[in-house]
C-alpha atoms as a PDB file:
ATOM      1  CA  MET A   1     -17.405 -11.461  13.757  1.00  0.00           C
ATOM      2  CA  THR A   2     -21.267 -11.911  13.824  1.00  0.00           C
ATOM      3  CA  ASP A   3     -21.517 -14.706  11.109  1.00  0.00           C
ATOM      4  CA  GLU A   4     -19.252 -17.780  10.149  1.00  0.00           C
ATOM      5  CA  ALA A   5     -19.284 -16.780   6.180  1.00  0.00           C
ATOM      6  CA  GLN A   6     -18.203 -18.759   3.800  1.00  0.00           C
ATOM      7  CA  VAL A   7     -15.298 -16.676   2.044  1.00  0.00           C
ATOM      8  CA  THR A   8     -12.913 -18.253  -0.621  1.00  0.00           C
ATOM      9  CA  ILE A   9     -10.016 -15.843  -1.451  1.00  0.00           C
ATOM     10  CA  THR A  10      -8.097 -15.560  -4.672  1.00  0.00           C
ATOM     11  CA  HIS A  11      -5.322 -13.385  -5.879  1.00  0.00           C
ATOM     12  CA  HIS A  12      -5.225 -11.930  -8.827  1.00  0.00           C
ATOM     13  CA  ALA A  13      -2.095  -9.662 -10.545  1.00  0.00           C
ATOM     14  CA  GLN A  14      -2.625  -6.266 -11.423  1.00  0.00           C
ATOM     15  CA  GLY A  15       0.116  -4.797 -13.631  1.00  0.00           C
ATOM     16  CA  GLN A  16       3.317  -4.914 -11.546  1.00  0.00           C
ATOM     17  CA  GLY A  17       0.911  -5.783  -8.117  1.00  0.00           C
ATOM     18  CA  GLY A  18      -1.987  -6.891  -7.266  1.00  0.00           C
ATOM     19  CA  LYS A  19      -5.283  -8.031  -5.537  1.00  0.00           C
ATOM     20  CA  TYR A  20      -6.670  -9.957  -2.927  1.00  0.00           C
ATOM     21  CA  LEU A  21     -10.465 -10.657  -3.280  1.00  0.00           C
ATOM     22  CA  ALA A  22     -12.761 -12.215  -0.925  1.00  0.00           C
ATOM     23  CA  ASP A  23     -16.111 -13.950  -2.332  1.00  0.00           C
ATOM     24  CA  VAL A  24     -18.834 -14.919   0.183  1.00  0.00           C
ATOM     25  CA  ALA A  25     -21.342 -17.382  -0.532  1.00  0.00           C
ATOM     26  CA  GLY A  26     -24.496 -16.107  -1.503  1.00  0.00           C
ATOM     27  CA  GLU A  27     -23.265 -12.740  -1.641  1.00  0.00           C
ATOM     28  CA  SER A  28     -22.735 -10.733  -4.885  1.00  0.00           C
ATOM     29  CA  HIS A  29     -20.407  -8.016  -2.912  1.00  0.00           C
ATOM     30  CA  GLN A  30     -16.799  -8.284  -2.448  1.00  0.00           C
ATOM     31  CA  GLY A  31     -13.993  -7.600   0.024  1.00  0.00           C
ATOM     32  CA  TYR A  32     -10.578  -6.905  -1.301  1.00  0.00           C
ATOM     33  CA  LEU A  33      -6.762  -6.054  -0.509  1.00  0.00           C
ATOM     34  CA  GLU A  34      -4.686  -4.105  -2.711  1.00  0.00           C
ATOM     35  CA  TRP A  35      -0.862  -4.257  -2.839  1.00  0.00           C
ATOM     36  CA  GLU A  36       1.716  -2.607  -5.334  1.00  0.00           C
ATOM     37  CA  PRO A  37       5.444  -3.566  -5.457  1.00  0.00           C
ATOM     38  CA  LYS A  38       8.270  -1.422  -3.371  1.00  0.00           C
ATOM     39  CA  THR A  39       9.655   0.862  -5.872  1.00  0.00           C
ATOM     40  CA  GLY A  40      13.128   2.097  -5.403  1.00  0.00           C
ATOM     41  CA  LEU A  41      15.212   4.565  -7.300  1.00  0.00           C
ATOM     42  CA  PRO A  42      15.560   4.867 -10.204  1.00  0.00           C
ATOM     43  CA  GLN A  43      11.701   4.467 -10.619  1.00  0.00           C
ATOM     44  CA  GLU A  44      12.043   1.483 -13.072  1.00  0.00           C
ATOM     45  CA  THR A  45      13.200  -0.248 -10.208  1.00  0.00           C
ATOM     46  CA  VAL A  46      11.094  -2.803  -8.733  1.00  0.00           C
ATOM     47  CA  THR A  47      11.597  -4.358  -5.007  1.00  0.00           C
ATOM     48  CA  SER A  48       9.642  -7.412  -6.007  1.00  0.00           C
ATOM     49  CA  ASP A  49      10.855  -8.617  -2.541  1.00  0.00           C
ATOM     50  CA  VAL A  50       8.343  -6.055  -0.633  1.00  0.00           C
ATOM     51  CA  ARG A  51       4.675  -5.974  -1.462  1.00  0.00           C
ATOM     52  CA  VAL A  52       3.091  -2.469  -0.602  1.00  0.00           C
ATOM     53  CA  ALA A  53      -0.348  -3.140   1.105  1.00  0.00           C
ATOM     54  CA  THR A  54      -2.503   0.145  -0.224  1.00  0.00           C
ATOM     55  CA  HIS A  55      -5.892  -0.710   0.526  1.00  0.00           C
ATOM     56  CA  THR A  56      -8.129  -3.144   2.140  1.00  0.00           C
ATOM     57  CA  VAL A  57     -11.830  -2.735   1.678  1.00  0.00           C
ATOM     58  CA  VAL A  58     -14.974  -5.002   2.786  1.00  0.00           C
ATOM     59  CA  PRO A  59     -18.499  -3.365   1.954  1.00  0.00           C
ATOM     60  CA  ASP A  60     -20.881  -2.696   4.454  1.00  0.00           C
ATOM     61  CA  ALA A  61     -23.311  -5.385   2.864  1.00  0.00           C
ATOM     62  CA  ILE A  62     -20.570  -8.337   3.980  1.00  0.00           C
ATOM     63  CA  GLY A  63     -18.800  -6.571   7.065  1.00  0.00           C
ATOM     64  CA  GLY A  64     -18.983  -8.066  10.346  1.00  0.00           C
ATOM     65  CA  ARG A  65     -17.647 -11.205   9.526  1.00  0.00           C
ATOM     66  CA  GLY A  66     -13.973 -11.243   9.570  1.00  0.00           C
ATOM     67  CA  ILE A  67     -13.243 -11.187   6.003  1.00  0.00           C
ATOM     68  CA  ALA A  68     -10.692  -8.543   6.627  1.00  0.00           C
ATOM     69  CA  ALA A  69      -8.959  -9.898   8.728  1.00  0.00           C
ATOM     70  CA  GLN A  70      -8.920 -13.012   6.151  1.00  0.00           C
ATOM     71  CA  LEU A  71      -7.440 -10.998   3.101  1.00  0.00           C
ATOM     72  CA  VAL A  72      -4.364 -10.136   5.604  1.00  0.00           C
ATOM     73  CA  GLU A  73      -4.104 -13.552   6.647  1.00  0.00           C
ATOM     74  CA  ARG A  74      -3.905 -14.919   3.617  1.00  0.00           C
ATOM     75  CA  LEU A  75      -1.372 -11.705   2.113  1.00  0.00           C
ATOM     76  CA  VAL A  76       0.474 -12.745   5.683  1.00  0.00           C
ATOM     77  CA  ALA A  77       0.542 -16.269   4.452  1.00  0.00           C
ATOM     78  CA  ASP A  78       1.943 -15.569   0.754  1.00  0.00           C
ATOM     79  CA  ALA A  79       4.964 -13.616   2.342  1.00  0.00           C
ATOM     80  CA  ARG A  80       5.664 -16.840   4.445  1.00  0.00           C
ATOM     81  CA  LYS A  81       5.328 -19.183   1.402  1.00  0.00           C
ATOM     82  CA  GLN A  82       6.409 -16.861  -1.473  1.00  0.00           C
ATOM     83  CA  GLY A  83       9.687 -15.085   0.612  1.00  0.00           C
ATOM     84  CA  PHE A  84       8.644 -11.308   0.657  1.00  0.00           C
ATOM     85  CA  LYS A  85       7.974  -8.595   3.195  1.00  0.00           C
ATOM     86  CA  ILE A  86       5.310  -6.540   3.712  1.00  0.00           C
ATOM     87  CA  ASP A  87       4.907  -2.421   4.280  1.00  0.00           C
ATOM     88  CA  PRO A  88       1.563  -2.319   5.590  1.00  0.00           C
ATOM     89  CA  ARG A  89       0.695   1.151   4.236  1.00  0.00           C
ATOM     90  CA  CYS A  90      -3.027   0.545   4.544  1.00  0.00           C
ATOM     91  CA  SER A  91      -4.029   1.300   8.604  1.00  0.00           C
ATOM     92  CA  TYR A  92      -5.833  -1.641   8.965  1.00  0.00           C
ATOM     93  CA  VAL A  93      -3.093  -4.356   7.644  1.00  0.00           C
ATOM     94  CA  ALA A  94      -0.893  -2.065  10.093  1.00  0.00           C
ATOM     95  CA  ALA A  95      -3.457  -2.576  12.696  1.00  0.00           C
ATOM     96  CA  LYS A  96      -3.249  -6.234  12.517  1.00  0.00           C
ATOM     97  CA  PHE A  97       0.436  -6.443  12.512  1.00  0.00           C
ATOM     98  CA  ASP A  98       0.551  -4.500  15.709  1.00  0.00           C
ATOM     99  CA  GLN A  99      -2.227  -7.097  16.863  1.00  0.00           C
ATOM    100  CA  ASN A 100       0.278 -10.173  15.559  1.00  0.00           C
ATOM    101  CA  PRO A 101       3.742  -9.818  17.082  1.00  0.00           C
ATOM    102  CA  GLY A 102       4.612 -12.947  15.393  1.00  0.00           C
ATOM    103  CA  TRP A 103       4.676 -11.216  12.008  1.00  0.00           C
ATOM    104  CA  ALA A 104       7.174  -8.780  12.886  1.00  0.00           C
ATOM    105  CA  ASP A 105       9.741 -10.626  10.543  1.00  0.00           C
ATOM    106  CA  LEU A 106       7.435  -9.831   7.937  1.00  0.00           C
ATOM    107  CA  ARG A 107       7.490  -6.005   8.209  1.00  0.00           C
ATOM    108  CA  ALA A 108       9.410  -4.043   6.143  1.00  0.00           C
END
């Protein structure tokens, strides 16, 4: 991290999934982590206890400040608090899980 930015992370529902948004004080750009529910067969069945982390994006303008890591940490904190598991299909989220063996119990 090159900069200790004041970052506020909020969660927003989107359809059956959601998005974590990172707002940085004094910046117009936002980072985000998107997730969707893991679906089973038949297609109408939604597994609400597993969230698939699909994308983590931090624009270059606010990069290098640890914002992506904070987004993943918020997802993990919510998983602990709300009792769901995470399927890290986003390569960044998967790498953070590999770096944090203490999160293994949350990996779907």
